[in-house]
């Protein structure tokens, strides 16, 4: 069992200069609470999914949501776009899509009496702040790979020219876990680009009752409570959240345990794991924990923030073996054992910053 020594020294709150002063934690909480209030006027329940959307927005990551139809996955990202004031784009993935349907293409415009013929670039629907890739696993690999550059590099290449997507840029992809006909497994290289994978379950009885009551009247008109510039300021504030070295070491330990569970006293898990999480797992654990800490009103990250995101960050980065599939051992069951085997570190936080 891996343990971490307790820290007796105080955590130092270091200031980091930025081009524009980020808002204070109290201001961040006020803005986020106003945004969540408006979103929850439309979305009943799904509190964890909404929190994870904010984590990705503040961290500049992308989100993969898995759930059966009818759980407001599409409505969530559209409502977030309306509340935050960004542009919204939606792509319904189908088996007959081609890459140009996503990123755009070059179009030849014939000559007229006033101008010569020329090729013009027609940009695709990925050029927006909030992109919904609905049922992403219904498109073939060639189309799915078209998202790789835009998700990682925030640009697309059409012909010989590169075109940057708007900033900020969030891809929220959905996939249906109960249908296999006409679907294509996502390539590991693309899945790794998603910061989080959230599994959305059915609502509770009281939440579903709220959904039914709301359907009996006209949907509420949400108001925009933030601008794109406000969101950029919140992202700058997230980058200034302090991460103690012990917390970073805990995140790395969780990720490396997926590659070598035997080193943490769990050799029985090795036959189930073909490949563990890449270093992006460690990076996204730390960056996501910073955003979660800010949402919860802190300028520093606690190990509990990393723990809260462990499954969402790592579940889609595990490549399971055929033995795991045959014995119906899922990624979450493996992560439960790994998380339990690594002792949560304890940090004595300073009440005052050390100059």
Protein backbone atom coordinates (compact mmCIF):
# COMPACT_ATOMS: atom_id res chain seq x y z
CA UNK A 1 0.00 0.00 0.00
CA UNK A 2 1.41 3.37 -1.02
CA UNK A 3 1.48 6.02 1.69
CA UNK A 4 2.55 9.63 1.76
CA UNK A 5 4.32 11.22 4.73
CA UNK A 6 2.40 13.92 6.50
CA UNK A 7 3.57 17.43 5.81
CA UNK A 8 4.46 19.49 8.89
CA UNK A 9 5.63 22.55 6.99
CA UNK A 10 3.12 25.13 5.95
CA UNK A 11 1.80 25.45 2.44
CA UNK A 12 3.00 28.62 0.82
CA UNK A 13 0.55 30.58 -1.21
CA UNK A 14 2.68 31.87 -4.03
CA UNK A 15 1.52 34.73 -6.20
CA UNK A 16 1.96 34.38 -9.91
CA UNK A 17 1.92 37.43 -12.14
CA UNK A 18 -0.56 37.50 -14.99
CA UNK A 19 -1.22 39.94 -17.80
CA UNK A 20 -4.61 40.82 -16.32
CA UNK A 21 -5.44 40.48 -12.65
CA UNK A 22 -7.81 37.49 -12.23
CA UNK A 23 -10.95 37.86 -10.11
CA UNK A 24 -10.85 36.95 -6.45
CA UNK A 25 -12.31 33.69 -5.17
CA UNK A 26 -15.41 35.41 -3.79
CA UNK A 27 -16.06 36.99 -7.19
CA UNK A 28 -15.52 33.66 -8.93
CA UNK A 29 -18.00 31.91 -6.65
CA UNK A 30 -20.56 34.64 -7.17
CA UNK A 31 -20.30 34.37 -10.95
CA UNK A 32 -20.39 30.58 -10.97
CA UNK A 33 -23.34 30.44 -8.58
CA UNK A 34 -25.26 32.87 -10.81
CA UNK A 35 -24.46 30.73 -13.85
CA UNK A 36 -25.48 27.49 -12.11
CA UNK A 37 -28.72 29.08 -10.88
CA UNK A 38 -29.71 29.90 -14.46
CA UNK A 39 -28.67 26.49 -15.78
CA UNK A 40 -30.63 24.66 -13.07
CA UNK A 41 -33.75 26.57 -14.02
CA UNK A 42 -33.69 24.35 -17.12
CA UNK A 43 -31.77 21.25 -16.00
CA UNK A 44 -33.20 19.32 -13.05
CA UNK A 45 -30.67 17.24 -11.15
CA UNK A 46 -27.42 16.17 -12.88
CA UNK A 47 -25.49 18.27 -10.34
CA UNK A 48 -22.28 16.30 -10.77
CA UNK A 49 -22.42 16.52 -14.56
CA UNK A 50 -22.95 20.28 -14.38
CA UNK A 51 -20.02 20.64 -12.00
CA UNK A 52 -17.82 18.63 -14.38
CA UNK A 53 -18.84 20.88 -17.28
CA UNK A 54 -17.61 23.86 -15.28
CA UNK A 55 -14.38 22.02 -14.42
CA UNK A 56 -13.68 21.52 -18.13
CA UNK A 57 -14.59 25.11 -18.95
CA UNK A 58 -12.29 26.55 -16.30
CA UNK A 59 -9.46 24.16 -17.19
CA UNK A 60 -9.76 24.47 -20.96
CA UNK A 61 -10.47 20.74 -21.36
CA UNK A 62 -13.06 18.65 -23.20
CA UNK A 63 -15.84 16.46 -21.83
CA UNK A 64 -17.17 13.05 -22.87
CA UNK A 65 -20.59 12.16 -21.45
CA UNK A 66 -22.00 8.65 -21.59
CA UNK A 67 -25.63 7.95 -20.84
CA UNK A 68 -28.82 6.57 -22.26
CA UNK A 69 -31.04 8.84 -24.39
CA UNK A 70 -33.30 11.33 -22.68
CA UNK A 71 -30.99 12.49 -19.86
CA UNK A 72 -30.66 16.12 -21.05
CA UNK A 73 -27.12 15.77 -22.35
CA UNK A 74 -27.81 17.92 -25.41
CA UNK A 75 -29.91 20.41 -23.47
CA UNK A 76 -27.15 20.87 -20.91
CA UNK A 77 -24.48 22.14 -23.30
CA UNK A 78 -26.97 24.34 -25.16
CA UNK A 79 -28.11 25.91 -21.89
CA UNK A 80 -24.51 26.46 -20.78
CA UNK A 81 -23.86 28.25 -24.06
CA UNK A 82 -26.90 30.51 -23.57
CA UNK A 83 -25.93 31.37 -19.99
CA UNK A 84 -22.26 32.05 -20.71
CA UNK A 85 -22.83 33.96 -23.93
CA UNK A 86 -20.64 31.88 -26.24
CA UNK A 87 -21.47 30.63 -29.71
CA UNK A 88 -22.97 27.16 -29.93
CA UNK A 89 -22.55 24.46 -32.58
CA UNK A 90 -24.04 20.98 -32.82
CA UNK A 91 -22.99 18.06 -34.99
CA UNK A 92 -25.14 14.95 -35.14
CA UNK A 93 -22.65 12.19 -35.89
CA UNK A 94 -23.84 9.61 -38.41
CA UNK A 95 -22.04 6.86 -40.37
CA UNK A 96 -22.17 8.86 -43.63
CA UNK A 97 -20.32 11.94 -42.34
CA UNK A 98 -17.04 12.99 -43.93
CA UNK A 99 -14.31 15.13 -42.27
CA UNK A 100 -15.23 18.24 -44.28
CA UNK A 101 -18.68 18.15 -42.65
CA UNK A 102 -16.89 19.04 -39.40
CA UNK A 103 -13.95 21.28 -40.23
CA UNK A 104 -15.03 22.80 -43.52
CA UNK A 105 -13.75 22.66 -47.08
CA UNK A 106 -12.56 24.68 -50.05
CA UNK A 107 -15.25 25.66 -52.55
CA UNK A 108 -14.64 26.75 -56.13
CA UNK A 109 -16.65 29.79 -57.14
CA UNK A 110 -16.93 30.10 -60.92
CA UNK A 111 -15.90 33.24 -62.74
CA UNK A 112 -18.49 35.91 -63.37
CA UNK A 113 -18.52 39.13 -65.34
CA UNK A 114 -17.11 41.01 -62.35
CA UNK A 115 -14.52 38.60 -60.94
CA UNK A 116 -12.33 35.65 -61.82
CA UNK A 117 -12.99 32.15 -60.59
CA UNK A 118 -11.38 31.30 -57.23
CA UNK A 119 -11.33 28.85 -54.34
CA UNK A 120 -12.87 30.08 -51.08
CA UNK A 121 -12.70 28.41 -47.68
CA UNK A 122 -16.00 27.53 -46.06
CA UNK A 123 -15.46 26.90 -42.34
CA UNK A 124 -17.33 24.06 -40.66
CA UNK A 125 -19.47 23.92 -37.52
CA UNK A 126 -16.47 23.30 -35.22
CA UNK A 127 -15.81 27.06 -35.29
CA UNK A 128 -17.74 27.97 -32.16
CA UNK A 129 -17.13 28.30 -28.41
CA UNK A 130 -19.25 25.32 -27.36
CA UNK A 131 -19.40 22.33 -29.69
CA UNK A 132 -21.78 19.44 -29.06
CA UNK A 133 -20.63 16.24 -30.77
CA UNK A 134 -23.81 14.24 -30.40
CA UNK A 135 -23.43 10.43 -30.43
CA UNK A 136 -19.80 10.70 -31.44
CA UNK A 137 -19.38 6.93 -31.62
CA UNK A 138 -21.73 6.74 -34.64
CA UNK A 139 -19.17 8.26 -37.02
CA UNK A 140 -16.33 6.24 -38.61
CA UNK A 141 -12.73 6.63 -37.49
CA UNK A 142 -11.86 9.00 -40.34
CA UNK A 143 -14.42 11.51 -39.11
CA UNK A 144 -13.56 11.02 -35.45
CA UNK A 145 -9.89 11.66 -36.23
CA UNK A 146 -10.85 15.00 -37.80
CA UNK A 147 -11.57 16.21 -34.28
CA UNK A 148 -8.07 15.36 -33.01
CA UNK A 149 -6.32 18.47 -34.29
CA UNK A 150 -9.07 20.86 -33.28
CA UNK A 151 -9.35 19.35 -29.79
CA UNK A 152 -5.62 19.38 -29.11
CA UNK A 153 -4.29 22.28 -31.18
CA UNK A 154 -7.43 24.46 -31.24
CA UNK A 155 -7.10 24.84 -34.98
CA UNK A 156 -7.94 23.03 -38.21
CA UNK A 157 -6.00 22.78 -41.44
CA UNK A 158 -7.91 23.14 -44.70
CA UNK A 159 -5.74 22.86 -47.75
CA UNK A 160 -2.50 24.61 -46.83
CA UNK A 161 -3.98 27.11 -44.38
CA UNK A 162 -4.60 26.74 -40.64
CA UNK A 163 -7.60 28.35 -39.01
CA UNK A 164 -7.88 28.88 -35.24
CA UNK A 165 -11.17 28.13 -33.50
CA UNK A 166 -12.66 30.73 -31.14
CA UNK A 167 -11.31 31.02 -27.61
CA UNK A 168 -12.54 29.58 -25.27
CA UNK A 169 -13.38 26.29 -26.98
CA UNK A 170 -15.12 23.29 -25.41
CA UNK A 171 -16.05 20.00 -27.06
CA UNK A 172 -18.72 18.06 -25.23
CA UNK A 173 -19.28 14.69 -26.87
CA UNK A 174 -22.02 12.24 -26.00
CA UNK A 175 -22.26 8.54 -26.63
CA UNK A 176 -25.00 5.98 -26.11
CA UNK A 177 -23.80 2.87 -24.21
CA UNK A 178 -26.78 0.64 -24.96
CA UNK A 179 -26.51 0.41 -28.75
CA UNK A 180 -23.73 -1.27 -30.71
CA UNK A 181 -25.22 -1.54 -34.19
CA UNK A 182 -23.93 1.23 -36.45
CA UNK A 183 -21.38 2.47 -33.90
CA UNK A 184 -17.60 2.66 -33.99
CA UNK A 185 -15.33 2.47 -30.94
CA UNK A 186 -13.50 5.72 -30.32
CA UNK A 187 -9.75 5.47 -31.06
CA UNK A 188 -7.61 5.54 -27.92
CA UNK A 189 -5.76 8.60 -29.26
CA UNK A 190 -9.01 10.55 -29.40
CA UNK A 191 -10.42 9.32 -26.09
CA UNK A 192 -7.22 10.48 -24.40
CA UNK A 193 -7.93 14.04 -25.59
CA UNK A 194 -11.01 14.23 -23.40
CA UNK A 195 -10.20 15.62 -20.00
CA UNK A 196 -13.14 13.90 -18.29
CA UNK A 197 -15.56 11.11 -19.03
CA UNK A 198 -18.74 11.43 -17.00
CA UNK A 199 -21.28 8.63 -16.76
CA UNK A 200 -24.78 10.08 -16.39
CA UNK A 201 -27.35 7.91 -14.64
CA UNK A 202 -31.13 8.11 -14.42
CA UNK A 203 -32.51 10.94 -12.26
CA UNK A 204 -33.92 10.30 -8.81
CA UNK A 205 -37.68 10.22 -8.28
CA UNK A 206 -37.93 13.82 -7.06
CA UNK A 207 -35.69 15.06 -9.90
CA UNK A 208 -37.75 13.26 -12.54
CA UNK A 209 -40.92 14.62 -11.01
CA UNK A 210 -39.48 18.12 -11.39
CA UNK A 211 -38.72 17.37 -15.04
CA UNK A 212 -42.31 16.27 -15.62
CA UNK A 213 -43.77 19.38 -13.94
CA UNK A 214 -41.52 21.67 -15.98
CA UNK A 215 -42.63 19.98 -19.20
CA UNK A 216 -46.23 21.05 -18.53
CA UNK A 217 -45.42 24.72 -19.13
CA UNK A 218 -43.32 26.75 -21.52
CA UNK A 219 -39.57 26.33 -20.95
CA UNK A 220 -38.01 29.20 -18.99
CA UNK A 221 -35.99 31.79 -20.87
CA UNK A 222 -32.52 31.74 -19.37
CA UNK A 223 -30.60 34.96 -19.15
CA UNK A 224 -26.97 35.46 -20.03
CA UNK A 225 -25.03 36.10 -16.82
CA UNK A 226 -21.50 36.00 -18.19
CA UNK A 227 -19.53 36.88 -21.28
CA UNK A 228 -16.72 35.08 -23.06
CA UNK A 229 -14.30 37.61 -21.56
CA UNK A 230 -15.61 36.79 -18.09
CA UNK A 231 -14.97 33.10 -18.75
CA UNK A 232 -11.41 33.87 -19.85
CA UNK A 233 -10.87 35.77 -16.59
CA UNK A 234 -12.10 32.74 -14.63
CA UNK A 235 -9.68 30.54 -16.55
CA UNK A 236 -6.84 32.87 -15.56
CA UNK A 237 -7.98 32.62 -11.95
CA UNK A 238 -7.90 28.82 -12.22
CA UNK A 239 -4.28 28.90 -13.38
CA UNK A 240 -3.39 30.77 -10.18
CA UNK A 241 -4.79 28.13 -7.81
CA UNK A 242 -1.93 26.69 -5.76
CA UNK A 243 -1.03 23.00 -6.06
CA UNK A 244 1.15 21.59 -3.29
CA UNK A 245 3.85 19.09 -4.39
CA UNK A 246 2.28 16.43 -2.18
CA UNK A 247 -1.03 16.81 -4.02
CA UNK A 248 0.73 16.54 -7.38
CA UNK A 249 2.54 13.43 -6.17
CA UNK A 250 -0.78 11.90 -5.15
CA UNK A 251 -2.21 12.54 -8.63
CA UNK A 252 0.82 10.93 -10.26
CA UNK A 253 0.56 7.93 -7.91
CA UNK A 254 -3.05 7.34 -8.95
CA UNK A 255 -2.12 7.43 -12.62
CA UNK A 256 0.99 5.24 -12.39
CA UNK A 257 -0.97 2.70 -10.33
CA UNK A 258 -3.06 1.99 -13.42
CA UNK A 259 0.13 0.91 -15.21
CA UNK A 260 1.65 -1.16 -12.42
CA UNK A 261 -1.00 -2.18 -9.87
CA UNK A 262 1.35 -4.80 -8.43
CA UNK A 263 3.59 -2.05 -7.04
CA UNK A 264 0.65 -0.95 -4.90
CA UNK A 265 -0.24 -4.39 -3.57
CA UNK A 266 -2.80 -5.28 -6.23
CA UNK A 267 -1.14 -7.82 -8.55
CA UNK A 268 -4.54 -9.46 -9.15
CA UNK A 269 -5.56 -6.46 -11.29
CA UNK A 270 -2.70 -6.80 -13.77
CA UNK A 271 -4.47 -9.40 -15.99
CA UNK A 272 -7.36 -6.96 -16.45
CA UNK A 273 -5.34 -3.93 -17.61
CA UNK A 274 -3.83 -3.99 -21.08
CA UNK A 275 -2.57 -0.40 -20.93
CA UNK A 276 -2.77 2.11 -18.10
CA UNK A 277 -3.40 5.83 -18.23
CA UNK A 278 -0.97 8.09 -20.07
CA UNK A 279 0.72 11.11 -18.44
CA UNK A 280 -2.29 13.12 -19.58
CA UNK A 281 -4.06 11.40 -16.69
CA UNK A 282 -1.75 13.01 -14.14
CA UNK A 283 -1.88 16.39 -15.89
CA UNK A 284 -5.68 16.43 -16.10
CA UNK A 285 -6.06 15.28 -12.49
CA UNK A 286 -4.05 18.29 -11.30
CA UNK A 287 -5.60 20.82 -13.68
CA UNK A 288 -9.10 19.56 -13.01
CA UNK A 289 -8.51 19.65 -9.27
CA UNK A 290 -7.49 23.31 -9.53
CA UNK A 291 -10.79 24.14 -11.21
CA UNK A 292 -12.75 22.09 -8.67
CA UNK A 293 -11.00 23.85 -5.79
CA UNK A 294 -11.92 27.24 -7.25
CA UNK A 295 -15.55 26.16 -7.71
CA UNK A 296 -15.58 25.14 -4.05
CA UNK A 297 -14.20 28.51 -2.96
CA UNK A 298 -10.51 27.80 -2.38
CA UNK A 299 -7.26 29.17 -3.82
CA UNK A 300 -5.46 25.91 -3.11
CA UNK A 301 -6.02 22.27 -4.03
CA UNK A 302 -6.71 19.55 -1.48
CA UNK A 303 -6.12 15.83 -2.08
CA UNK A 304 -9.89 15.39 -1.84
CA UNK A 305 -10.25 17.43 -5.05
CA UNK A 306 -8.00 14.98 -6.88
CA UNK A 307 -9.86 12.04 -5.38
CA UNK A 308 -13.23 13.45 -6.47
CA UNK A 309 -12.09 13.53 -10.11
CA UNK A 310 -10.09 10.29 -10.16
CA UNK A 311 -12.72 8.14 -11.89
CA UNK A 312 -13.80 10.85 -14.34
CA UNK A 313 -10.21 11.47 -15.43
CA UNK A 314 -8.96 7.88 -15.55
CA UNK A 315 -11.88 5.60 -16.50
CA UNK A 316 -11.62 6.24 -20.24
CA UNK A 317 -7.84 6.00 -20.24
CA UNK A 318 -7.73 2.36 -19.18
CA UNK A 319 -7.47 -0.17 -22.00
CA UNK A 320 -8.94 -3.37 -20.59
CA UNK A 321 -7.97 -6.88 -21.65
CA UNK A 322 -10.26 -9.55 -23.07
CA UNK A 323 -10.15 -11.25 -19.67
CA UNK A 324 -11.66 -8.16 -18.06
CA UNK A 325 -14.39 -8.07 -20.68
CA UNK A 326 -15.08 -11.79 -20.28
CA UNK A 327 -15.32 -11.51 -16.50
CA UNK A 328 -17.28 -8.24 -16.74
CA UNK A 329 -14.72 -6.28 -14.76
CA UNK A 330 -15.18 -2.61 -15.62
CA UNK A 331 -12.83 0.34 -15.36
CA UNK A 332 -14.70 1.81 -12.39
CA UNK A 333 -14.35 -1.43 -10.39
CA UNK A 334 -10.61 -1.45 -11.06
CA UNK A 335 -10.26 2.22 -10.10
CA UNK A 336 -12.17 1.67 -6.87
CA UNK A 337 -9.53 -0.83 -5.76
CA UNK A 338 -6.62 1.33 -6.91
CA UNK A 339 -7.94 4.42 -5.13
CA UNK A 340 -8.48 2.44 -1.92
CA UNK A 341 -4.90 1.12 -2.06
CA UNK A 342 -3.30 4.59 -2.13
CA UNK A 343 -3.54 6.47 1.13
CA UNK A 344 -4.98 9.95 0.84
CA UNK A 345 -2.21 12.37 1.89
CA UNK A 346 -2.81 14.86 4.66
CA UNK A 347 -1.68 18.46 4.36
CA UNK A 348 -1.65 20.97 7.21
CA UNK A 349 -2.80 24.13 5.49
CA UNK A 350 -1.45 27.48 6.68
CA UNK A 351 -4.02 30.00 7.76
CA UNK A 352 -1.84 32.85 6.62
CA UNK A 353 0.27 33.05 3.50
CA UNK A 354 3.99 33.01 4.11
CA UNK A 355 5.64 35.98 2.51
